[in-house]
Amino acid sequence: MRTWQFVPEMLSVDGTARTEVAAVEASGEASTLVIGSWNVKRLGHGTKDLSVVADVIDDFDIVAVQEVMTREVVEALSIRVPTHRVLLTDTPTPVSGSYREYFAFFYDPAKLEPTFNTFVPDPRDAFFRDPYLACFTVIRSRDRLCLMTLHVVWGDRVAERKAEIKAVDDALRWAQSIDETSSWIILGDFNRPVDDGDADVEPEEEWLELLDRQSLRAPVVLAGQEIPTTIAQTRYANAYDHIFVSATIQNRVVRSGRLDIVATHCAGQFDLCRATVSDHAPVYVEWAPTGAR
């Protein structure tokens, strides 16, 4: 599969106060990576404050972006974030219908070198939007890192969301079959909490299937605790966005959490963020490659 790669011109940008993710990065070793996931609410459609979107993206070494609606908006953002390059799928998904979106990875080329990217095959048509896979070499440490991003269908019933989450198991198994040496991160908008609040001690069945399958070469675990990420009119509402990491690198996650864009970029106004930025806040992990201290 061919993927567009935007290389922005090196334009000057005015200095903007960095957010707490940047502070997290500054507090650790320079060799750690801040990895994020963000649903940016129909990016490219309607009114959007692209300067704020760019400021948020700039705080990550790599961030997976869901709900990219046009290639043109990615070109516009690439100029506003000259420190980053972009991997963008060459076709939106699904391939037909009135609602179609791209996946994108904004990444810092001084820290990461892309090596491979593709949609994950979906022969059983289990996904409304096929997951997108991108692999990188960490330049300083030569670690290999693969990220698979997805945006689980909302659908008409919860059962549709649960079915896609269960299908992530097969998607990851396929991805690991073509790259057996990389560390793995699965991130995106799952449209479901890990714990559905039904008073069970254990998480929901689909998460157990994803986490516990012994046939996976590299089982994955949830990074940190789930935290509300969707932006309602007056509060953070639902824990829908998650990051999973290979169990083998779990101990190299320095910290994880939600970037509070309402506080840092929207003057504490939830409704303003919803209207001009997104109805989701990003989630992130700070990860220490081999040799980072």
C-alpha atoms as a PDB file:
ATOM      1  CA  MET A   1       0.000   0.000   0.000  1.00  0.00           C
ATOM      2  CA  ARG A   2       1.256   3.467  -0.907  1.00  0.00           C
ATOM      3  CA  THR A   3       1.248   6.112   1.836  1.00  0.00           C
ATOM      4  CA  TRP A   4       1.594   9.861   1.412  1.00  0.00           C
ATOM      5  CA  GLN A   5       4.423  11.427   3.362  1.00  0.00           C
ATOM      6  CA  PHE A   6       4.266  15.186   3.833  1.00  0.00           C
ATOM      7  CA  VAL A   7       7.604  16.929   4.415  1.00  0.00           C
ATOM      8  CA  PRO A   8       6.844  20.471   5.603  1.00  0.00           C
ATOM      9  CA  GLU A   9       8.857  23.510   4.638  1.00  0.00           C
ATOM     10  CA  MET A  10      10.962  24.827   7.500  1.00  0.00           C
ATOM     11  CA  LEU A  11       8.893  27.909   8.282  1.00  0.00           C
ATOM     12  CA  SER A  12       9.313  29.990  11.398  1.00  0.00           C
ATOM     13  CA  VAL A  13       6.537  29.685  13.970  1.00  0.00           C
ATOM     14  CA  ASP A  14       5.826  31.894  16.924  1.00  0.00           C
ATOM     15  CA  GLY A  15       6.708  30.509  20.343  1.00  0.00           C
ATOM     16  CA  THR A  16       3.699  29.067  22.131  1.00  0.00           C
ATOM     17  CA  ALA A  17       3.625  27.857  25.735  1.00  0.00           C
ATOM     18  CA  ARG A  18       4.181  24.100  25.789  1.00  0.00           C
ATOM     19  CA  THR A  19       1.721  21.841  27.530  1.00  0.00           C
ATOM     20  CA  GLU A  20       2.159  19.332  30.287  1.00  0.00           C
ATOM     21  CA  VAL A  21       3.202  16.584  27.857  1.00  0.00           C
ATOM     22  CA  ALA A  22       6.172  18.731  26.920  1.00  0.00           C
ATOM     23  CA  ALA A  23       6.895  19.156  30.616  1.00  0.00           C
ATOM     24  CA  VAL A  24       6.756  15.391  31.029  1.00  0.00           C
ATOM     25  CA  GLU A  25       9.237  15.002  28.203  1.00  0.00           C
ATOM     26  CA  ALA A  26      11.527  17.642  29.650  1.00  0.00           C
ATOM     27  CA  SER A  27      11.480  15.956  33.047  1.00  0.00           C
ATOM     28  CA  GLY A  28      12.838  12.696  31.654  1.00  0.00           C
ATOM     29  CA  GLU A  29      15.842  11.726  29.585  1.00  0.00           C
ATOM     30  CA  ALA A  30      16.095  13.272  26.143  1.00  0.00           C
ATOM     31  CA  SER A  31      15.958   9.769  24.669  1.00  0.00           C
ATOM     32  CA  THR A  32      12.457   8.974  25.919  1.00  0.00           C
ATOM     33  CA  LEU A  33       9.575   9.188  23.477  1.00  0.00           C
ATOM     34  CA  VAL A  34       6.177  10.744  24.086  1.00  0.00           C
ATOM     35  CA  ILE A  35       3.669   8.690  22.090  1.00  0.00           C
ATOM     36  CA  GLY A  36       0.067   9.789  21.701  1.00  0.00           C
ATOM     37  CA  SER A  37      -3.303   9.022  20.198  1.00  0.00           C
ATOM     38  CA  TRP A  38      -5.944  11.606  19.335  1.00  0.00           C
ATOM     39  CA  ASN A  39      -9.363  11.599  17.699  1.00  0.00           C
ATOM     40  CA  VAL A  40      -9.546  15.139  16.297  1.00  0.00           C
ATOM     41  CA  LYS A  41     -13.258  15.141  15.397  1.00  0.00           C
ATOM     42  CA  ARG A  42     -13.672  15.301  11.634  1.00  0.00           C
ATOM     43  CA  LEU A  43     -10.398  17.066  11.018  1.00  0.00           C
ATOM     44  CA  GLY A  44     -10.800  19.010   7.783  1.00  0.00           C
ATOM     45  CA  HIS A  45     -14.564  19.472   8.046  1.00  0.00           C
ATOM     46  CA  GLY A  46     -16.246  22.493   9.608  1.00  0.00           C
ATOM     47  CA  THR A  47     -14.575  25.159  11.726  1.00  0.00           C
ATOM     48  CA  LYS A  48     -11.372  24.085  13.442  1.00  0.00           C
ATOM     49  CA  ASP A  49      -8.628  26.053  15.185  1.00  0.00           C
ATOM     50  CA  LEU A  50      -5.687  24.504  13.357  1.00  0.00           C
ATOM     51  CA  SER A  51      -3.161  26.523  15.367  1.00  0.00           C
ATOM     52  CA  VAL A  52      -4.330  24.750  18.537  1.00  0.00           C
ATOM     53  CA  VAL A  53      -4.379  21.364  16.804  1.00  0.00           C
ATOM     54  CA  ALA A  54      -0.815  21.991  15.619  1.00  0.00           C
ATOM     55  CA  ASP A  55       0.338  23.045  19.093  1.00  0.00           C
ATOM     56  CA  VAL A  56      -1.013  19.814  20.572  1.00  0.00           C
ATOM     57  CA  ILE A  57       0.549  17.635  17.865  1.00  0.00           C
ATOM     58  CA  ASP A  58       3.897  19.346  18.395  1.00  0.00           C
ATOM     59  CA  ASP A  59       4.003  18.089  21.987  1.00  0.00           C
ATOM     60  CA  PHE A  60       4.350  14.466  20.846  1.00  0.00           C
ATOM     61  CA  ASP A  61       7.288  12.658  19.303  1.00  0.00           C
ATOM     62  CA  ILE A  62       4.692  10.583  17.466  1.00  0.00           C
ATOM     63  CA  VAL A  63       0.911  10.773  17.573  1.00  0.00           C
ATOM     64  CA  ALA A  64      -1.705   8.657  15.826  1.00  0.00           C
ATOM     65  CA  VAL A  65      -4.598  10.796  14.609  1.00  0.00           C
ATOM     66  CA  GLN A  66      -8.063   9.479  13.870  1.00  0.00           C
ATOM     67  CA  GLU A  67     -10.933  11.178  11.996  1.00  0.00           C
ATOM     68  CA  VAL A  68      -8.745  12.861   9.393  1.00  0.00           C
ATOM     69  CA  MET A  69     -11.285  13.777   6.729  1.00  0.00           C
ATOM     70  CA  THR A  70      -9.164  15.434   4.011  1.00  0.00           C
ATOM     71  CA  ARG A  71      -5.587  15.359   2.729  1.00  0.00           C
ATOM     72  CA  GLU A  72      -5.646  19.138   2.437  1.00  0.00           C
ATOM     73  CA  VAL A  73      -5.947  19.659   6.190  1.00  0.00           C
ATOM     74  CA  VAL A  74      -2.890  17.459   6.758  1.00  0.00           C
ATOM     75  CA  GLU A  75      -0.925  19.596   4.324  1.00  0.00           C
ATOM     76  CA  ALA A  76      -2.040  22.692   6.244  1.00  0.00           C
ATOM     77  CA  LEU A  77      -1.016  21.155   9.564  1.00  0.00           C
ATOM     78  CA  SER A  78       2.356  20.012   8.235  1.00  0.00           C
ATOM     79  CA  ILE A  79       3.245  23.653   7.595  1.00  0.00           C
ATOM     80  CA  ARG A  80       2.204  24.593  11.125  1.00  0.00           C
ATOM     81  CA  VAL A  81       4.264  21.760  12.661  1.00  0.00           C
ATOM     82  CA  PRO A  82       7.568  22.027  10.754  1.00  0.00           C
ATOM     83  CA  THR A  83       9.350  19.757  13.244  1.00  0.00           C
ATOM     84  CA  HIS A  84       7.227  16.779  12.200  1.00  0.00           C
ATOM     85  CA  ARG A  85       6.541  14.699   9.136  1.00  0.00           C
ATOM     86  CA  VAL A  86       3.341  12.825   8.403  1.00  0.00           C
ATOM     87  CA  LEU A  87       2.385   9.361   7.257  1.00  0.00           C
ATOM     88  CA  LEU A  88      -1.122   9.479   5.791  1.00  0.00           C
ATOM     89  CA  THR A  89      -3.033   6.612   4.242  1.00  0.00           C
ATOM     90  CA  ASP A  90      -3.468   7.129   0.500  1.00  0.00           C
ATOM     91  CA  THR A  91      -7.130   6.148   0.661  1.00  0.00           C
ATOM     92  CA  PRO A  92      -9.786   6.831   3.255  1.00  0.00           C
ATOM     93  CA  THR A  93     -11.605   3.992   4.954  1.00  0.00           C
ATOM     94  CA  PRO A  94     -14.134   2.543   4.456  1.00  0.00           C
ATOM     95  CA  VAL A  95     -13.578   2.743   0.716  1.00  0.00           C
ATOM     96  CA  SER A  96     -17.234   3.535  -0.004  1.00  0.00           C
ATOM     97  CA  GLY A  97     -20.116   5.322   1.660  1.00  0.00           C
ATOM     98  CA  SER A  98     -20.744   8.891   2.759  1.00  0.00           C
ATOM     99  CA  TYR A  99     -18.490   8.755   5.842  1.00  0.00           C
ATOM    100  CA  ARG A 100     -14.816   8.023   5.171  1.00  0.00           C
ATOM    101  CA  GLU A 101     -11.703   8.981   7.110  1.00  0.00           C
ATOM    102  CA  TYR A 102      -7.930   8.735   6.848  1.00  0.00           C
ATOM    103  CA  PHE A 103      -5.466   7.666   9.529  1.00  0.00           C
ATOM    104  CA  ALA A 104      -2.306   9.706  10.090  1.00  0.00           C
ATOM    105  CA  PHE A 105       0.893   9.491  12.121  1.00  0.00           C
ATOM    106  CA  PHE A 106       2.684  12.768  12.847  1.00  0.00           C
ATOM    107  CA  TYR A 107       6.252  11.952  13.917  1.00  0.00           C
ATOM    108  CA  ASP A 108       9.569  13.648  14.667  1.00  0.00           C
ATOM    109  CA  PRO A 109      12.070  12.529  11.988  1.00  0.00           C
ATOM    110  CA  ALA A 110      14.971  13.409  14.269  1.00  0.00           C
ATOM    111  CA  LYS A 111      13.873  10.591  16.582  1.00  0.00           C
ATOM    112  CA  LEU A 112      12.018   8.082  14.415  1.00  0.00           C
ATOM    113  CA  GLU A 113      12.598   6.618  10.969  1.00  0.00           C
ATOM    114  CA  PRO A 114       9.593   4.925   9.305  1.00  0.00           C
ATOM    115  CA  THR A 115      10.290   1.476   7.871  1.00  0.00           C
ATOM    116  CA  PHE A 116       6.909  -0.008   6.935  1.00  0.00           C
ATOM    117  CA  ASN A 117       3.223   0.910   6.849  1.00  0.00           C
ATOM    118  CA  THR A 118       0.009  -0.665   5.638  1.00  0.00           C
ATOM    119  CA  PHE A 119      -3.646  -1.231   6.357  1.00  0.00           C
ATOM    120  CA  VAL A 120      -4.212  -4.486   8.244  1.00  0.00           C
ATOM    121  CA  PRO A 121      -5.987  -6.970   5.927  1.00  0.00           C
ATOM    122  CA  ASP A 122      -9.598  -7.591   6.892  1.00  0.00           C
ATOM    123  CA  PRO A 123     -10.792 -10.616   4.909  1.00  0.00           C
ATOM    124  CA  ARG A 124     -13.751 -11.230   7.254  1.00  0.00           C
ATOM    125  CA  ASP A 125     -14.860  -7.587   7.002  1.00  0.00           C
ATOM    126  CA  ALA A 126     -14.676  -7.350  10.784  1.00  0.00           C
ATOM    127  CA  PHE A 127     -13.839  -3.639  10.806  1.00  0.00           C
ATOM    128  CA  PHE A 128     -15.787  -0.664   9.518  1.00  0.00           C
ATOM    129  CA  ARG A 129     -12.427   1.154   9.277  1.00  0.00           C
ATOM    130  CA  ASP A 130      -9.438  -1.148   8.735  1.00  0.00           C
ATOM    131  CA  PRO A 131      -6.670  -0.633  11.337  1.00  0.00           C
ATOM    132  CA  TYR A 132      -3.532   1.113  10.101  1.00  0.00           C
ATOM    133  CA  LEU A 133      -0.047  -0.137  10.963  1.00  0.00           C
ATOM    134  CA  ALA A 134       3.222   1.822  10.891  1.00  0.00           C
ATOM    135  CA  CYS A 135       6.650   0.610  12.028  1.00  0.00           C
ATOM    136  CA  PHE A 136       9.647   2.757  12.947  1.00  0.00           C
ATOM    137  CA  THR A 137      13.257   2.513  13.991  1.00  0.00           C
ATOM    138  CA  VAL A 138      14.137   4.623  17.012  1.00  0.00           C
ATOM    139  CA  ILE A 139      17.136   6.513  15.667  1.00  0.00           C
ATOM    140  CA  ARG A 140      19.105   6.874  18.891  1.00  0.00           C
ATOM    141  CA  SER A 141      18.652   3.355  20.285  1.00  0.00           C
ATOM    142  CA  ARG A 142      17.837   1.372  17.095  1.00  0.00           C
ATOM    143  CA  ASP A 143      14.824  -0.141  18.832  1.00  0.00           C
ATOM    144  CA  ARG A 144      12.089  -1.275  16.466  1.00  0.00           C
ATOM    145  CA  LEU A 145       8.625   0.007  17.275  1.00  0.00           C
ATOM    146  CA  CYS A 146       5.327  -0.799  15.555  1.00  0.00           C
ATOM    147  CA  LEU A 147       2.104   1.097  16.172  1.00  0.00           C
ATOM    148  CA  MET A 148      -1.356  -0.044  15.118  1.00  0.00           C
ATOM    149  CA  THR A 149      -4.082   2.578  15.297  1.00  0.00           C
ATOM    150  CA  LEU A 150      -7.808   2.065  14.971  1.00  0.00           C
ATOM    151  CA  HIS A 151     -11.107   3.842  15.338  1.00  0.00           C
ATOM    152  CA  VAL A 152     -13.739   1.364  16.478  1.00  0.00           C
ATOM    153  CA  VAL A 153     -17.159   1.777  14.883  1.00  0.00           C
ATOM    154  CA  TRP A 154     -19.853   3.461  16.969  1.00  0.00           C
ATOM    155  CA  GLY A 155     -22.693   1.680  15.177  1.00  0.00           C
ATOM    156  CA  ASP A 156     -26.239   1.293  16.377  1.00  0.00           C
ATOM    157  CA  ARG A 157     -25.528  -1.161  19.184  1.00  0.00           C
ATOM    158  CA  VAL A 158     -22.792  -1.802  21.742  1.00  0.00           C
ATOM    159  CA  ALA A 159     -22.444  -5.297  20.274  1.00  0.00           C
ATOM    160  CA  GLU A 160     -20.965  -3.809  17.087  1.00  0.00           C
ATOM    161  CA  ARG A 161     -18.241  -2.073  19.075  1.00  0.00           C
ATOM    162  CA  LYS A 162     -17.491  -5.190  21.104  1.00  0.00           C
ATOM    163  CA  ALA A 163     -17.184  -7.271  17.932  1.00  0.00           C
ATOM    164  CA  GLU A 164     -14.547  -4.934  16.501  1.00  0.00           C
ATOM    165  CA  ILE A 165     -12.585  -4.905  19.743  1.00  0.00           C
ATOM    166  CA  LYS A 166     -12.507  -8.697  19.715  1.00  0.00           C
ATOM    167  CA  ALA A 167     -11.283  -8.581  16.106  1.00  0.00           C
ATOM    168  CA  VAL A 168      -8.216  -6.580  17.209  1.00  0.00           C
ATOM    169  CA  ASP A 169      -6.816  -9.904  18.428  1.00  0.00           C
ATOM    170  CA  ASP A 170      -6.714 -11.297  14.867  1.00  0.00           C
ATOM    171  CA  ALA A 171      -5.411  -8.001  13.464  1.00  0.00           C
ATOM    172  CA  LEU A 172      -2.524  -7.964  15.918  1.00  0.00           C
ATOM    173  CA  ARG A 173      -1.745 -11.615  15.271  1.00  0.00           C
ATOM    174  CA  TRP A 174      -1.420 -10.854  11.543  1.00  0.00           C
ATOM    175  CA  ALA A 175       0.740  -7.797  12.216  1.00  0.00           C
ATOM    176  CA  GLN A 176       3.063  -9.750  14.473  1.00  0.00           C
ATOM    177  CA  SER A 177       3.396 -12.470  11.851  1.00  0.00           C
ATOM    178  CA  ILE A 178       5.074 -10.023   9.469  1.00  0.00           C
ATOM    179  CA  ASP A 179       7.260  -8.387  12.122  1.00  0.00           C
ATOM    180  CA  GLU A 180       8.383 -10.645  14.959  1.00  0.00           C
ATOM    181  CA  THR A 181      11.078  -8.408  16.405  1.00  0.00           C
ATOM    182  CA  SER A 182       9.401  -5.071  17.148  1.00  0.00           C
ATOM    183  CA  SER A 183       7.812  -3.770  20.308  1.00  0.00           C
ATOM    184  CA  TRP A 184       4.101  -3.213  19.789  1.00  0.00           C
ATOM    185  CA  ILE A 185       1.722  -0.401  20.655  1.00  0.00           C
ATOM    186  CA  ILE A 186      -2.004  -0.480  19.873  1.00  0.00           C
ATOM    187  CA  LEU A 187      -3.696   2.872  20.257  1.00  0.00           C
ATOM    188  CA  GLY A 188      -6.800   4.713  19.217  1.00  0.00           C
ATOM    189  CA  ASP A 189     -10.446   5.444  19.860  1.00  0.00           C
ATOM    190  CA  PHE A 190     -12.050   2.176  21.001  1.00  0.00           C
ATOM    191  CA  ASN A 191     -15.446   3.767  21.735  1.00  0.00           C
ATOM    192  CA  ARG A 192     -15.602   1.593  24.857  1.00  0.00           C
ATOM    193  CA  PRO A 193     -14.214   1.758  28.394  1.00  0.00           C
ATOM    194  CA  VAL A 194     -12.053  -1.122  29.582  1.00  0.00           C
ATOM    195  CA  ASP A 195     -14.346  -1.526  32.597  1.00  0.00           C
ATOM    196  CA  ASP A 196     -18.000  -1.167  31.632  1.00  0.00           C
ATOM    197  CA  GLY A 197     -19.079  -0.333  35.183  1.00  0.00           C
ATOM    198  CA  ASP A 198     -21.220  -3.431  35.671  1.00  0.00           C
ATOM    199  CA  ALA A 199     -19.611  -4.155  39.080  1.00  0.00           C
ATOM    200  CA  ASP A 200     -17.655  -7.154  37.769  1.00  0.00           C
ATOM    201  CA  VAL A 201     -14.201  -7.586  39.234  1.00  0.00           C
ATOM    202  CA  GLU A 202     -12.751  -8.478  35.846  1.00  0.00           C
ATOM    203  CA  PRO A 203     -12.759  -6.220  32.754  1.00  0.00           C
ATOM    204  CA  GLU A 204     -15.078  -6.960  29.884  1.00  0.00           C
ATOM    205  CA  GLU A 205     -14.732 -10.172  27.959  1.00  0.00           C
ATOM    206  CA  GLU A 206     -13.429  -8.585  24.753  1.00  0.00           C
ATOM    207  CA  TRP A 207     -10.559  -6.944  26.617  1.00  0.00           C
ATOM    208  CA  LEU A 208      -9.627 -10.256  28.254  1.00  0.00           C
ATOM    209  CA  GLU A 209      -9.518 -11.843  24.821  1.00  0.00           C
ATOM    210  CA  LEU A 210      -7.277  -9.084  23.520  1.00  0.00           C
ATOM    211  CA  LEU A 211      -4.946  -9.102  26.512  1.00  0.00           C
ATOM    212  CA  ASP A 212      -4.695 -12.793  27.313  1.00  0.00           C
ATOM    213  CA  ARG A 213      -4.406 -14.682  24.038  1.00  0.00           C
ATOM    214  CA  GLN A 214      -1.349 -16.909  24.413  1.00  0.00           C
ATOM    215  CA  SER A 215      -0.989 -17.290  20.634  1.00  0.00           C
ATOM    216  CA  LEU A 216       0.161 -13.699  20.322  1.00  0.00           C
ATOM    217  CA  ARG A 217       3.906 -13.414  19.947  1.00  0.00           C
ATOM    218  CA  ALA A 218       3.838 -10.271  22.060  1.00  0.00           C
ATOM    219  CA  PRO A 219       0.836 -10.004  24.391  1.00  0.00           C
ATOM    220  CA  VAL A 220      -0.228  -6.424  25.060  1.00  0.00           C
ATOM    221  CA  VAL A 221      -1.324  -4.716  28.265  1.00  0.00           C
ATOM    222  CA  LEU A 222      -3.159  -1.486  28.970  1.00  0.00           C
ATOM    223  CA  ALA A 223      -0.724   1.365  29.673  1.00  0.00           C
ATOM    224  CA  GLY A 224      -1.735   2.933  32.983  1.00  0.00           C
ATOM    225  CA  GLN A 225      -5.296   3.351  34.176  1.00  0.00           C
ATOM    226  CA  GLU A 226      -8.202   4.259  31.940  1.00  0.00           C
ATOM    227  CA  ILE A 227      -9.279   7.871  32.266  1.00  0.00           C
ATOM    228  CA  PRO A 228     -12.192   9.831  30.725  1.00  0.00           C
ATOM    229  CA  THR A 229     -11.172  11.348  27.388  1.00  0.00           C
ATOM    230  CA  THR A 230     -14.344  12.444  25.588  1.00  0.00           C
ATOM    231  CA  ILE A 231     -15.225  16.104  26.034  1.00  0.00           C
ATOM    232  CA  ALA A 232     -18.810  16.850  27.023  1.00  0.00           C
ATOM    233  CA  GLN A 233     -20.229  20.355  27.502  1.00  0.00           C
ATOM    234  CA  THR A 234     -18.972  20.710  31.087  1.00  0.00           C
ATOM    235  CA  ARG A 235     -16.711  17.729  31.863  1.00  0.00           C
ATOM    236  CA  TYR A 236     -14.657  14.820  30.635  1.00  0.00           C
ATOM    237  CA  ALA A 237     -17.171  12.032  30.138  1.00  0.00           C
ATOM    238  CA  ASN A 238     -16.155   8.617  28.721  1.00  0.00           C
ATOM    239  CA  ALA A 239     -12.934   6.573  28.834  1.00  0.00           C
ATOM    240  CA  TYR A 240     -12.914   5.633  25.152  1.00  0.00           C
ATOM    241  CA  ASP A 241      -9.302   6.273  24.091  1.00  0.00           C
ATOM    242  CA  HIS A 242      -6.615   3.780  25.107  1.00  0.00           C
ATOM    243  CA  ILE A 243      -3.005   2.770  24.545  1.00  0.00           C
ATOM    244  CA  PHE A 244      -1.810  -0.835  24.884  1.00  0.00           C
ATOM    245  CA  VAL A 245       1.877  -1.772  24.888  1.00  0.00           C
ATOM    246  CA  SER A 246       3.758  -5.046  24.558  1.00  0.00           C
ATOM    247  CA  ALA A 247       3.990  -6.754  27.931  1.00  0.00           C
ATOM    248  CA  THR A 248       7.730  -7.083  27.362  1.00  0.00           C
ATOM    249  CA  ILE A 249       8.170  -3.285  27.385  1.00  0.00           C
ATOM    250  CA  GLN A 250       5.564  -2.445  30.007  1.00  0.00           C
ATOM    251  CA  ASN A 251       8.283  -1.673  32.560  1.00  0.00           C
ATOM    252  CA  ARG A 252       9.734   0.967  30.221  1.00  0.00           C
ATOM    253  CA  VAL A 253       6.596   3.096  30.268  1.00  0.00           C
ATOM    254  CA  VAL A 254       7.686   6.046  32.387  1.00  0.00           C
ATOM    255  CA  ARG A 255       4.181   7.467  32.718  1.00  0.00           C
ATOM    256  CA  SER A 256       0.879   7.687  30.894  1.00  0.00           C
ATOM    257  CA  GLY A 257      -2.302   9.701  30.975  1.00  0.00           C
ATOM    258  CA  ARG A 258      -4.585  12.191  29.268  1.00  0.00           C
ATOM    259  CA  LEU A 259      -3.408  15.513  27.905  1.00  0.00           C
ATOM    260  CA  ASP A 260      -5.848  18.004  29.422  1.00  0.00           C
ATOM    261  CA  ILE A 261      -6.337  20.200  26.361  1.00  0.00           C
ATOM    262  CA  VAL A 262      -9.352  21.881  27.968  1.00  0.00           C
ATOM    263  CA  ALA A 263      -7.089  23.382  30.613  1.00  0.00           C
ATOM    264  CA  THR A 264      -4.025  23.983  28.456  1.00  0.00           C
ATOM    265  CA  HIS A 265      -5.566  25.158  25.182  1.00  0.00           C
ATOM    266  CA  CYS A 266      -9.216  26.060  25.782  1.00  0.00           C
ATOM    267  CA  ALA A 267      -9.056  28.254  28.903  1.00  0.00           C
ATOM    268  CA  GLY A 268     -10.915  25.601  30.882  1.00  0.00           C
ATOM    269  CA  GLN A 269     -13.972  25.789  28.607  1.00  0.00           C
ATOM    270  CA  PHE A 270     -15.191  22.346  27.599  1.00  0.00           C
ATOM    271  CA  ASP A 271     -17.769  23.688  25.142  1.00  0.00           C
ATOM    272  CA  LEU A 272     -15.096  25.814  23.440  1.00  0.00           C
ATOM    273  CA  CYS A 273     -12.869  22.780  22.954  1.00  0.00           C
ATOM    274  CA  ARG A 274     -15.743  20.771  21.489  1.00  0.00           C
ATOM    275  CA  ALA A 275     -16.606  23.559  19.075  1.00  0.00           C
ATOM    276  CA  THR A 276     -13.147  24.567  17.859  1.00  0.00           C
ATOM    277  CA  VAL A 277     -10.717  21.704  18.584  1.00  0.00           C
ATOM    278  CA  SER A 278     -12.158  18.222  19.256  1.00  0.00           C
ATOM    279  CA  ASP A 279     -14.592  16.235  21.363  1.00  0.00           C
ATOM    280  CA  HIS A 280     -11.717  14.000  22.516  1.00  0.00           C
ATOM    281  CA  ALA A 281      -8.535  14.749  24.442  1.00  0.00           C
ATOM    282  CA  PRO A 282      -5.339  12.880  23.512  1.00  0.00           C
ATOM    283  CA  VAL A 283      -3.915  10.033  25.561  1.00  0.00           C
ATOM    284  CA  TYR A 284      -0.186   9.452  25.818  1.00  0.00           C
ATOM    285  CA  VAL A 285       2.620   7.285  27.146  1.00  0.00           C
ATOM    286  CA  GLU A 286       6.183   8.348  27.780  1.00  0.00           C
ATOM    287  CA  TRP A 287       8.306   5.395  26.755  1.00  0.00           C
ATOM    288  CA  ALA A 288      12.006   4.735  27.382  1.00  0.00           C
ATOM    289  CA  PRO A 289      13.758   2.883  24.523  1.00  0.00           C
ATOM    290  CA  THR A 290      16.738   0.611  25.195  1.00  0.00           C
ATOM    291  CA  GLY A 291      19.490   2.502  26.956  1.00  0.00           C
ATOM    292  CA  ALA A 292      17.311   5.370  28.192  1.00  0.00           C
ATOM    293  CA  ARG A 293      17.712   6.095  31.892  1.00  0.00           C
END
